[in-house]
Amino acid sequence: MTTPRPATLALPQGEYDGAAAGSLYAALRARDARFDGRLFVGVRSTGIYCRPVCRVRTPLLRNCRFFGNAASAEGAGFRPCLRCRPELAPGLAFVDSSRTLAHAAARLLARAVQEGRDVALPEVAARLGVTDRHLRRIFTAEHGVAPVDYLTTQRLLQAKQLLTDTGLPVTEVALASGFSSLRRFHAAFAERYRLSPGALRRERAGVAADRRDASEPGGARHTARGLVVRLGYRPPYDIAGVLRFFARRQLDGIEQVDPGAGRIARTLAWTHGGRHVAGWLDARFEPGRHEIAIEVAPALVPALGSLLQRVRQGLDLDADPALVDPVIAALPAPPVPGLRVPGAMDGFEAAVRVVLGQQVTVAAARTLTSRLVQAFGDPIETPWPGLTRLFPTAATIAGAAPEAIGRLGIVRQRVRALQALAAAVAGGTLDLHPGAPLAPTVDTLRALPGLGEWSVQLIALRALGWPDAFPASDIGVLDALARVDPTLPPRDARAAAARAEAWRPWRGYAAMRLWQLLEP
């Protein structure tokens, strides 16, 4: 069967009209994972909406309604499928276009849910520099639903995941999903899903026990060490390229990367809901399922929503190859289907790595950062002898004596930059999370001592997840460009930036491909 190319599918804008039904139904019948997260199917006969990869029997076309996001499906009265679990689908990809503002708002709302915070639309609008009225208008035009409905869907899907995958009490699930009261949580659950949280737990348990297809997406299981959950991605995915990138930069005590086994394990710590959480995760690629299985330490389970978003960012799971690959094909280099930009599971950590990587090799930066971890990172117990440390917090680095950092072999100028960065993060004047407003965040970075444009672009790329960042002065980028395009002046950052204009809005992916060309 021939399925439509992903490029023929518009970005999410509510419900798709009847003219697109034929090609979308073909994608559904083929269970085409390239459409996962961009297409949801409501089935009139059951009142359920599914991902296109769902393994249940394909419904008849006349019973199907097609939506670009989960919120639109729920707004039309459909409940999420307990088998394919829409909350595990890949999320929105960044787009550098007129839709960027609406997508940034969606990310801010989703992030608030993942962190268990309540959020008001005027707060989101203020962060984006627009009025809440204008934000409501462009948000509804782009996503097909009002911001409040989108927010409610994100909260309920996170609650559904916590109810399904963890044993957290219902009250804690409600608070972790951003509901200010248990009454509001029960009311929203009953209105959207037409059952109680406890009933969903029992019904999901029955579905798991009756599962007929072992390859069905979704689902969680407990091991002797922790909880295993899954996240989907849109194929193709350059697994080898991503793991090679992480392996070359692996920090002793913090990370273990095994490209051959398709595995990355690491420690993590952050503040969630006003509490410090710390633990480990072990992520393994399962390319046959287009998923990643993630084993999570019990201590991180209460912050599961936030943790999974960190994994999405760190492994670039929300990227859409149908949008990226055609643009990167303009590079004068052999194509790599499913190119990804390795991001950061901790934005501050990524920024510190960038600062310590200024004007030194990857190996030297790795050595300096490993020394910093051993000197200032807190110890932690994990199931692996090699994972023994947490990355130092911003407050710890900001408060350290400069000479103590200098004794690690870090030059004075770099120490000053490092502590200025840490102080800005610890003091709350710098937010290094994906979804943070790009322009003011970049301006704050540029104002810090010791951070030039190279550092700012790399931090925007890896910590903020901005796909159009381009470190034009990077020696690796310049050398790779000289190799594939001899007409360019040697090591000319201006010429490189001009050449990169053809790769907008995905210049960060172009930089990644150029770095790959220099790998041994």
Protein backbone atom coordinates (compact mmCIF):
# COMPACT_ATOMS: atom_id res chain seq x y z
CA MET A 1 0.00 0.00 0.00
CA THR A 2 1.24 3.48 -0.83
CA THR A 3 1.01 6.00 1.97
CA PRO A 4 1.10 9.78 1.54
CA ARG A 5 4.32 11.64 2.12
CA PRO A 6 4.38 13.43 5.50
CA ALA A 7 5.04 16.71 3.70
CA THR A 8 1.49 16.61 2.34
CA LEU A 9 0.08 16.92 5.85
CA ALA A 10 -0.38 20.44 7.20
CA LEU A 11 0.83 21.34 10.66
CA PRO A 12 -1.76 20.91 13.44
CA GLN A 13 -4.75 23.22 12.98
CA GLY A 14 -7.71 21.56 14.67
CA GLU A 15 -9.82 19.17 12.61
CA TYR A 16 -8.90 18.27 9.03
CA ASP A 17 -11.59 18.68 6.40
CA GLY A 18 -13.06 15.91 4.29
CA ALA A 19 -10.79 16.59 1.32
CA ALA A 20 -7.81 15.21 3.24
CA ALA A 21 -9.64 12.18 4.65
CA GLY A 22 -8.53 9.73 1.96
CA SER A 23 -4.79 10.29 2.35
CA LEU A 24 -5.03 10.45 6.14
CA TYR A 25 -6.99 7.21 6.22
CA ALA A 26 -4.22 5.59 4.16
CA ALA A 27 -1.70 6.66 6.80
CA LEU A 28 -3.96 5.21 9.50
CA ARG A 29 -4.33 1.87 7.72
CA ALA A 30 -0.56 1.66 7.26
CA ARG A 31 0.03 2.66 10.91
CA ASP A 32 2.56 5.13 9.56
CA ALA A 33 4.70 6.34 12.46
CA ARG A 34 5.79 9.41 10.49
CA PHE A 35 2.36 10.89 11.27
CA ASP A 36 2.55 10.13 15.00
CA GLY A 37 1.89 13.27 17.04
CA ARG A 38 0.67 15.16 13.96
CA LEU A 39 -2.49 13.14 13.43
CA PHE A 40 -5.14 11.81 15.82
CA VAL A 41 -8.17 9.80 14.74
CA GLY A 42 -11.53 10.03 16.52
CA VAL A 43 -13.79 7.01 16.01
CA ARG A 44 -17.48 7.90 16.09
CA SER A 45 -18.64 4.37 16.92
CA THR A 46 -16.54 4.16 20.11
CA GLY A 47 -16.05 7.80 21.16
CA ILE A 48 -12.29 7.12 21.41
CA TYR A 49 -9.41 8.93 19.70
CA CYS A 50 -6.14 7.17 18.79
CA ARG A 51 -2.68 7.72 17.43
CA PRO A 52 -2.16 6.50 13.84
CA VAL A 53 0.17 3.77 15.18
CA CYS A 54 -2.54 2.19 17.33
CA ARG A 55 -2.72 -1.61 16.88
CA VAL A 56 -6.46 -1.95 17.32
CA ARG A 57 -8.57 -2.97 14.35
CA THR A 58 -8.68 -0.14 11.79
CA PRO A 59 -12.10 1.56 11.89
CA LEU A 60 -14.14 2.20 8.76
CA LEU A 61 -13.47 5.50 7.04
CA ARG A 62 -17.05 6.71 7.57
CA ASN A 63 -16.53 6.38 11.34
CA CYS A 64 -13.31 8.44 11.40
CA ARG A 65 -12.68 12.09 12.18
CA PHE A 66 -9.13 13.39 11.79
CA PHE A 67 -7.48 15.96 14.08
CA GLY A 68 -4.13 17.71 14.17
CA ASN A 69 -3.77 17.59 17.95
CA ALA A 70 -5.18 15.82 20.99
CA ALA A 71 -6.92 18.94 22.31
CA SER A 72 -9.05 19.21 19.16
CA ALA A 73 -10.05 15.56 19.45
CA GLU A 74 -11.04 15.99 23.09
CA GLY A 75 -12.86 19.21 22.25
CA ALA A 76 -14.97 17.20 19.82
CA GLY A 77 -15.97 14.84 22.64
CA PHE A 78 -13.54 11.93 22.11
CA ARG A 79 -11.70 10.17 24.95
CA PRO A 80 -8.05 9.05 24.70
CA CYS A 81 -7.34 5.44 23.78
CA LEU A 82 -6.01 3.30 26.63
CA ARG A 83 -3.98 1.13 24.27
CA CYS A 84 -1.95 3.54 22.13
CA ARG A 85 -1.99 6.28 24.79
CA PRO A 86 -1.96 9.68 23.00
CA GLU A 87 0.08 11.24 25.82
CA LEU A 88 3.14 9.28 24.61
CA ALA A 89 3.08 10.64 21.03
CA PRO A 90 5.84 13.01 19.83
CA GLY A 91 5.08 16.67 20.45
CA LEU A 92 5.27 19.84 18.37
CA ALA A 93 8.35 20.64 16.33
CA PHE A 94 9.75 24.18 16.32
CA VAL A 95 8.93 26.12 13.15
CA ASP A 96 10.56 29.42 12.27
CA SER A 97 7.54 31.06 10.68
CA SER A 98 4.45 33.07 11.56
CA ARG A 99 3.32 30.10 13.67
CA THR A 100 6.31 30.33 16.01
CA LEU A 101 4.56 32.46 18.64
CA ALA A 102 1.58 30.11 18.94
CA HIS A 103 3.91 27.12 19.16
CA ALA A 104 6.00 28.85 21.83
CA ALA A 105 2.82 29.48 23.84
CA ALA A 106 1.89 25.80 23.54
CA ARG A 107 5.32 24.85 24.88
CA LEU A 108 5.03 27.23 27.83
CA LEU A 109 1.65 25.78 28.73
CA ALA A 110 2.94 22.21 28.39
CA ARG A 111 6.00 23.00 30.47
CA ALA A 112 3.88 24.45 33.28
CA VAL A 113 1.88 21.22 33.33
CA GLN A 114 5.02 19.06 33.37
CA GLU A 115 6.35 21.05 36.33
CA GLY A 116 3.05 20.79 38.17
CA ARG A 117 2.45 24.56 38.11
CA ASP A 118 -0.74 26.50 37.60
CA VAL A 119 -0.39 29.12 34.88
CA ALA A 120 -2.53 32.03 33.69
CA LEU A 121 -2.74 33.09 30.06
CA PRO A 122 -1.76 36.74 30.80
CA GLU A 123 1.48 35.39 32.32
CA VAL A 124 2.24 33.43 29.13
CA ALA A 125 1.35 36.41 26.94
CA ALA A 126 3.60 38.70 28.97
CA ARG A 127 6.54 36.31 28.57
CA LEU A 128 6.00 36.33 24.80
CA GLY A 129 5.59 40.11 24.64
CA VAL A 130 1.99 40.21 23.35
CA THR A 131 -1.45 40.86 24.83
CA ASP A 132 -3.46 37.88 26.04
CA ARG A 133 -6.21 38.79 23.57
CA HIS A 134 -3.78 38.60 20.64
CA LEU A 135 -2.34 35.35 21.99
CA ARG A 136 -5.80 33.78 22.23
CA ARG A 137 -6.51 34.78 18.63
CA ILE A 138 -3.32 33.42 17.07
CA PHE A 139 -3.33 30.34 19.32
CA THR A 140 -6.86 29.38 18.27
CA ALA A 141 -6.06 30.03 14.61
CA GLU A 142 -2.98 27.79 14.75
CA HIS A 143 -4.09 24.96 17.03
CA GLY A 144 -7.83 24.91 16.46
CA VAL A 145 -8.66 25.23 20.18
CA ALA A 146 -8.53 27.98 22.79
CA PRO A 147 -5.47 28.09 25.08
CA VAL A 148 -7.52 27.10 28.14
CA ASP A 149 -8.78 23.96 26.37
CA TYR A 150 -5.25 23.09 25.22
CA LEU A 151 -4.00 23.53 28.79
CA THR A 152 -6.75 21.31 30.19
CA THR A 153 -5.92 18.57 27.66
CA GLN A 154 -2.22 18.69 28.58
CA ARG A 155 -3.05 18.47 32.29
CA LEU A 156 -5.42 15.56 31.81
CA LEU A 157 -3.01 13.65 29.56
CA GLN A 158 -0.23 14.07 32.12
CA ALA A 159 -2.60 12.94 34.87
CA LYS A 160 -3.59 9.95 32.75
CA GLN A 161 0.06 9.00 32.33
CA LEU A 162 0.76 9.29 36.06
CA LEU A 163 -2.36 7.27 36.90
CA THR A 164 -1.38 4.61 34.38
CA ASP A 165 2.35 4.35 34.96
CA THR A 166 2.77 5.12 38.67
CA GLY A 167 1.21 4.30 42.00
CA LEU A 168 1.00 7.91 43.12
CA PRO A 169 -2.14 8.75 45.12
CA VAL A 170 -4.83 10.56 43.15
CA THR A 171 -4.33 13.74 45.16
CA GLU A 172 -0.62 13.84 44.27
CA VAL A 173 -1.45 13.13 40.62
CA ALA A 174 -3.82 16.10 40.57
CA LEU A 175 -1.23 18.45 42.09
CA ALA A 176 1.58 17.13 39.86
CA SER A 177 -0.59 17.88 36.81
CA GLY A 178 -1.23 21.49 37.78
CA PHE A 179 -4.78 21.22 39.16
CA SER A 180 -5.27 23.58 42.08
CA SER A 181 -7.86 21.38 43.75
CA LEU A 182 -8.97 17.76 43.80
CA ARG A 183 -12.53 18.82 43.04
CA ARG A 184 -11.49 20.57 39.82
CA PHE A 185 -9.43 17.54 38.85
CA HIS A 186 -12.35 15.12 39.28
CA ALA A 187 -14.72 17.47 37.47
CA ALA A 188 -12.40 17.88 34.45
CA PHE A 189 -11.77 14.14 34.35
CA ALA A 190 -15.46 13.32 34.42
CA GLU A 191 -16.30 15.94 31.77
CA ARG A 192 -13.60 14.89 29.28
CA TYR A 193 -13.18 11.16 29.92
CA ARG A 194 -16.58 10.29 31.43
CA LEU A 195 -15.06 8.24 34.23
CA SER A 196 -13.22 8.83 37.50
CA PRO A 197 -9.42 8.69 37.95
CA GLY A 198 -9.77 5.49 39.97
CA ALA A 199 -11.95 3.91 37.29
CA LEU A 200 -9.35 4.76 34.63
CA ARG A 201 -6.67 3.01 36.68
CA ARG A 202 -8.81 -0.12 36.93
CA GLU A 203 -9.82 0.00 33.25
CA ARG A 204 -6.21 0.48 32.11
CA ALA A 205 -5.10 -2.44 34.28
CA GLY A 206 -7.65 -4.61 32.50
CA VAL A 207 -6.45 -3.46 29.09
CA ALA A 208 -2.83 -4.24 29.99
CA ALA A 209 -3.76 -7.72 31.17
CA ASP A 210 -5.73 -8.36 27.97
CA ARG A 211 -3.15 -6.97 25.54
CA ARG A 212 -3.01 -9.16 22.48
CA ASP A 213 -0.14 -7.56 20.54
CA ALA A 214 3.24 -7.30 22.24
CA SER A 215 4.33 -4.66 19.75
CA GLU A 216 1.52 -2.30 20.70
CA PRO A 217 2.82 1.16 21.59
CA GLY A 218 2.54 2.53 25.10
CA GLY A 219 2.43 0.78 28.41
CA ALA A 220 4.68 0.73 31.46
CA ARG A 221 6.12 -1.93 33.70
CA HIS A 222 7.98 -2.06 36.98
CA THR A 223 11.40 -3.66 37.39
CA ALA A 224 13.45 -4.39 40.47
CA ARG A 225 15.21 -1.07 39.92
CA GLY A 226 12.49 1.31 38.77
CA LEU A 227 9.66 2.11 36.38
CA VAL A 228 9.90 1.57 32.61
CA VAL A 229 7.92 3.95 30.37
CA ARG A 230 8.01 4.62 26.64
CA LEU A 231 8.14 7.62 24.34
CA GLY A 232 7.54 7.61 20.59
CA TYR A 233 9.37 9.45 17.83
CA ARG A 234 8.73 10.07 14.14
CA PRO A 235 10.94 7.95 11.91
CA PRO A 236 13.45 8.04 10.43
CA TYR A 237 15.79 8.75 13.35
CA ASP A 238 19.59 8.91 13.10
CA ILE A 239 20.20 6.87 16.28
CA ALA A 240 23.86 6.21 15.48
CA GLY A 241 24.61 9.90 14.94
CA VAL A 242 22.98 11.01 18.18
CA LEU A 243 24.69 8.37 20.31
CA ARG A 244 28.10 9.04 18.72
CA PHE A 245 27.68 12.72 19.65
CA PHE A 246 26.89 11.89 23.27
CA ALA A 247 29.61 9.22 23.50
CA ARG A 248 32.35 11.66 22.47
CA ARG A 249 31.23 14.05 25.23
CA GLN A 250 30.40 11.49 27.93
CA LEU A 251 31.15 12.74 31.46
CA ASP A 252 32.61 10.29 33.97
CA GLY A 253 30.24 9.74 36.88
CA ILE A 254 27.30 11.42 35.10
CA GLU A 255 26.74 9.47 31.88
CA GLN A 256 27.17 6.07 30.28
CA VAL A 257 26.65 5.88 26.51
CA ASP A 258 26.72 2.62 24.53
CA PRO A 259 26.14 3.31 20.82
CA GLY A 260 26.28 -0.38 19.97
CA ALA A 261 23.42 -1.20 22.34
CA GLY A 262 21.48 1.99 21.50
CA ARG A 263 21.58 3.04 25.14
CA ILE A 264 22.26 6.14 27.21
CA ALA A 265 22.08 6.22 31.02
CA ARG A 266 22.69 9.20 33.26
CA THR A 267 21.96 10.93 36.55
CA LEU A 268 19.72 13.98 36.89
CA ALA A 269 18.62 16.42 39.58
CA TRP A 270 16.37 19.47 39.54
CA THR A 271 13.68 21.30 41.50
CA HIS A 272 10.14 20.13 40.79
CA GLY A 273 7.08 21.56 42.50
CA GLY A 274 9.29 23.24 45.09
CA ARG A 275 11.06 19.95 45.93
CA HIS A 276 14.55 18.74 45.04
CA VAL A 277 14.43 15.51 43.08
CA ALA A 278 17.45 13.42 42.08
CA GLY A 279 17.91 10.04 40.48
CA TRP A 280 18.87 8.24 37.29
CA LEU A 281 17.42 7.08 33.99
CA ASP A 282 18.37 4.43 31.46
CA ALA A 283 17.06 5.05 27.92
CA ARG A 284 17.22 2.41 25.17
CA PHE A 285 16.21 2.90 21.54
CA GLU A 286 13.82 0.36 20.06
CA PRO A 287 13.89 1.26 16.35
CA GLY A 288 11.46 -1.49 15.35
CA ARG A 289 8.78 0.21 17.44
CA HIS A 290 9.92 3.81 16.80
CA GLU A 291 10.08 4.20 20.56
CA ILE A 292 12.50 4.68 23.43
CA ALA A 293 12.09 2.59 26.57
CA ILE A 294 13.13 4.61 29.63
CA GLU A 295 13.78 3.05 33.02
CA VAL A 296 13.31 5.67 35.72
CA ALA A 297 14.57 5.73 39.30
CA PRO A 298 11.75 5.53 41.88
CA ALA A 299 12.81 8.92 43.28
CA LEU A 300 12.02 10.59 39.94
CA VAL A 301 8.57 9.06 39.45
CA PRO A 302 6.69 11.96 41.13
CA ALA A 303 8.31 14.27 38.55
CA LEU A 304 7.69 11.88 35.63
CA GLY A 305 6.06 14.46 33.35
CA SER A 306 8.97 16.87 33.70
CA LEU A 307 11.49 14.06 33.31
CA LEU A 308 9.98 12.77 30.08
CA GLN A 309 9.99 16.28 28.63
CA ARG A 310 13.70 16.49 29.45
CA VAL A 311 14.25 13.24 27.56
CA ARG A 312 12.26 14.57 24.59
CA GLN A 313 14.45 17.66 24.52
CA GLY A 314 17.72 15.82 25.11
CA LEU A 315 17.10 13.28 22.33
CA ASP A 316 15.16 15.62 19.99
CA LEU A 317 12.19 13.25 19.88
CA ASP A 318 9.73 15.89 18.67
CA ALA A 319 11.64 16.70 15.48
CA ASP A 320 9.75 16.20 12.23
CA PRO A 321 11.99 14.72 9.50
CA ALA A 322 9.36 15.56 6.88
CA LEU A 323 10.09 19.25 7.52
CA VAL A 324 13.82 19.08 8.27
CA ASP A 325 15.24 16.58 5.76
CA PRO A 326 14.16 18.37 2.55
CA VAL A 327 15.88 21.57 3.69
CA ILE A 328 19.08 19.87 4.87
CA ALA A 329 19.20 18.04 1.52
CA ALA A 330 20.49 21.36 0.12
CA LEU A 331 23.79 20.77 1.92
CA PRO A 332 26.57 19.66 -0.45
CA ALA A 333 27.01 16.45 1.54
CA PRO A 334 25.55 12.93 1.53
CA PRO A 335 22.11 13.02 3.21
CA VAL A 336 21.44 11.42 6.60
CA PRO A 337 17.73 10.59 6.95
CA GLY A 338 16.24 11.51 10.31
CA LEU A 339 19.02 13.85 11.39
CA ARG A 340 18.62 15.00 15.00
CA VAL A 341 20.24 17.68 17.15
CA PRO A 342 21.30 16.24 20.53
CA GLY A 343 19.90 18.63 23.09
CA ALA A 344 20.12 18.84 26.86
CA MET A 345 18.33 17.11 29.70
CA ASP A 346 19.61 19.94 31.89
CA GLY A 347 19.89 23.40 30.35
CA PHE A 348 22.40 24.71 32.90
CA GLU A 349 24.61 21.69 32.38
CA ALA A 350 24.58 22.22 28.61
CA ALA A 351 25.51 25.90 29.04
CA VAL A 352 28.40 25.02 31.37
CA ARG A 353 29.70 22.53 28.81
CA VAL A 354 29.61 25.25 26.16
CA VAL A 355 31.53 27.71 28.34
CA LEU A 356 34.20 25.13 29.16
CA GLY A 357 34.37 24.18 25.48
CA GLN A 358 35.45 27.66 24.38
CA GLN A 359 38.66 27.57 22.30
CA VAL A 360 39.51 23.97 23.25
CA THR A 361 38.95 20.55 21.70
CA VAL A 362 36.00 18.31 22.53
CA ALA A 363 38.33 16.03 24.51
CA ALA A 364 39.75 18.93 26.53
CA ALA A 365 36.28 20.30 27.29
CA ARG A 366 35.22 16.84 28.45
CA THR A 367 38.23 16.65 30.80
CA LEU A 368 37.56 20.08 32.32
CA THR A 369 33.86 19.40 32.80
CA SER A 370 34.56 15.99 34.38
CA ARG A 371 36.90 17.68 36.88
CA LEU A 372 34.16 20.17 37.73
CA VAL A 373 31.71 17.32 38.32
CA GLN A 374 34.10 15.43 40.59
CA ALA A 375 34.92 18.57 42.59
CA PHE A 376 31.45 20.05 43.03
CA GLY A 377 28.86 17.41 42.10
CA ASP A 378 26.95 15.67 44.89
CA PRO A 379 27.35 11.89 45.17
CA ILE A 380 24.43 9.60 44.33
CA GLU A 381 23.79 5.86 44.48
CA THR A 382 22.66 4.15 41.27
CA PRO A 383 22.49 0.55 40.00
CA TRP A 384 25.66 1.19 37.93
CA PRO A 385 29.16 1.59 39.42
CA GLY A 386 30.03 4.22 36.81
CA LEU A 387 27.13 6.56 37.66
CA THR A 388 28.08 8.13 40.98
CA ARG A 389 27.67 11.90 40.66
CA LEU A 390 25.10 14.60 39.99
CA PHE A 391 26.01 17.62 37.89
CA PRO A 392 26.79 20.61 40.15
CA THR A 393 23.90 23.01 40.72
CA ALA A 394 23.99 26.63 39.60
CA ALA A 395 23.94 27.78 43.23
CA THR A 396 26.97 25.60 44.03
CA ILE A 397 29.03 26.96 41.13
CA ALA A 398 27.97 30.56 41.79
CA GLY A 399 28.96 30.27 45.45
CA ALA A 400 32.27 28.48 44.95
CA ALA A 401 35.57 30.24 45.53
CA PRO A 402 37.00 31.27 42.13
CA GLU A 403 40.41 29.87 43.05
CA ALA A 404 38.84 26.47 43.81
CA ILE A 405 37.47 26.36 40.26
CA GLY A 406 40.74 27.68 38.86
CA ARG A 407 42.68 24.82 40.45
CA LEU A 408 40.85 22.45 38.10
CA GLY A 409 42.81 23.91 35.18
CA ILE A 410 40.10 26.39 34.13
CA VAL A 411 41.52 29.76 33.13
CA ARG A 412 40.47 32.91 34.99
CA GLN A 413 38.37 34.33 32.14
CA ARG A 414 36.44 31.07 31.88
CA VAL A 415 35.89 30.95 35.67
CA ARG A 416 34.41 34.44 35.54
CA ALA A 417 32.06 33.47 32.69
CA LEU A 418 31.08 30.25 34.44
CA GLN A 419 30.18 31.96 37.71
CA ALA A 420 28.30 34.79 36.00
CA LEU A 421 26.24 32.21 34.13
CA ALA A 422 25.59 30.23 37.32
CA ALA A 423 24.61 33.34 39.27
CA ALA A 424 22.10 34.37 36.58
CA VAL A 425 20.49 30.90 36.59
CA ALA A 426 20.50 30.58 40.40
CA GLY A 427 19.09 34.09 40.77
CA GLY A 428 16.24 33.44 38.34
CA THR A 429 17.24 36.07 35.78
CA LEU A 430 18.15 33.44 33.18
CA ASP A 431 15.86 30.56 32.15
CA LEU A 432 17.60 27.81 30.18
CA HIS A 433 14.62 25.60 29.41
CA PRO A 434 13.06 24.91 25.99
CA GLY A 435 10.10 27.22 25.60
CA ALA A 436 11.83 30.13 27.33
CA PRO A 437 11.35 33.33 25.27
CA LEU A 438 14.18 33.22 22.76
CA ALA A 439 14.98 36.92 22.19
CA PRO A 440 15.22 38.05 25.86
CA THR A 441 17.06 34.86 26.85
CA VAL A 442 19.63 35.34 24.10
CA ASP A 443 20.01 39.00 25.06
CA THR A 444 20.66 37.99 28.67
CA LEU A 445 23.29 35.48 27.55
CA ARG A 446 25.03 38.07 25.37
CA ALA A 447 25.22 40.46 28.31
CA LEU A 448 27.11 37.95 30.47
CA PRO A 449 30.91 38.34 30.61
CA GLY A 450 32.89 35.85 28.56
CA LEU A 451 30.00 34.67 26.37
CA GLY A 452 30.49 35.51 22.73
CA GLU A 453 28.22 34.75 19.78
CA TRP A 454 29.60 31.22 19.38
CA SER A 455 28.61 30.35 22.96
CA VAL A 456 25.21 32.03 22.66
CA GLN A 457 24.33 30.14 19.48
CA LEU A 458 25.35 26.77 20.92
CA ILE A 459 23.39 27.36 24.13
CA ALA A 460 20.34 28.40 22.10
CA LEU A 461 20.70 25.24 20.01
CA ARG A 462 21.24 22.66 22.74
CA ALA A 463 19.71 24.14 25.91
CA LEU A 464 16.82 26.15 24.45
CA GLY A 465 16.13 23.72 21.60
CA TRP A 466 16.17 26.49 18.97
CA PRO A 467 16.65 24.70 15.62
CA ASP A 468 17.78 27.73 13.61
CA ALA A 469 20.76 28.56 15.82
CA PHE A 470 23.98 28.48 13.81
CA PRO A 471 27.50 28.89 15.28
CA ALA A 472 29.02 30.37 12.13
CA SER A 473 32.44 30.89 13.75
CA ASP A 474 32.76 27.27 14.94
CA ILE A 475 36.03 25.81 13.63
CA GLY A 476 34.42 22.44 12.97
CA VAL A 477 31.61 24.03 10.95
CA LEU A 478 34.10 26.12 8.96
CA ASP A 479 36.43 23.20 8.27
CA ALA A 480 33.56 20.96 7.18
CA LEU A 481 32.19 23.69 4.90
CA ALA A 482 35.62 24.08 3.33
CA ARG A 483 35.66 20.35 2.66
CA VAL A 484 32.26 20.27 0.91
CA ASP A 485 32.36 23.71 -0.73
CA PRO A 486 35.87 24.74 -1.85
CA THR A 487 34.50 28.00 -3.31
CA LEU A 488 34.05 29.47 0.18
CA PRO A 489 36.90 31.53 1.66
CA PRO A 490 38.77 29.45 4.28
CA ARG A 491 37.49 29.86 7.85
CA ASP A 492 35.35 32.88 7.00
CA ALA A 493 32.45 33.13 9.48
CA ARG A 494 30.62 35.75 7.42
CA ALA A 495 30.75 33.59 4.31
CA ALA A 496 29.58 30.60 6.35
CA ALA A 497 26.62 32.55 7.75
CA ALA A 498 25.65 33.71 4.26
CA ARG A 499 25.90 30.14 2.93
CA ALA A 500 23.70 28.92 5.80
CA GLU A 501 20.79 31.18 4.83
CA ALA A 502 19.68 28.44 2.42
CA TRP A 503 19.18 26.07 5.35
CA ARG A 504 16.73 28.18 7.36
CA PRO A 505 14.79 27.47 9.54
CA TRP A 506 16.85 24.35 10.36
CA ARG A 507 20.41 25.70 10.41
CA GLY A 508 21.12 23.88 13.69
CA TYR A 509 20.55 20.57 11.91
CA ALA A 510 22.89 21.72 9.16
CA ALA A 511 25.58 22.40 11.78
CA MET A 512 25.05 18.92 13.18
CA ARG A 513 25.51 17.37 9.74
CA LEU A 514 28.68 19.38 9.17
CA TRP A 515 30.13 18.21 12.49
CA GLN A 516 29.39 14.62 11.49
CA LEU A 517 31.52 15.06 8.36
CA LEU A 518 34.60 15.55 10.56
CA GLU A 519 34.05 12.44 12.65
CA PRO A 520 36.73 9.76 12.24
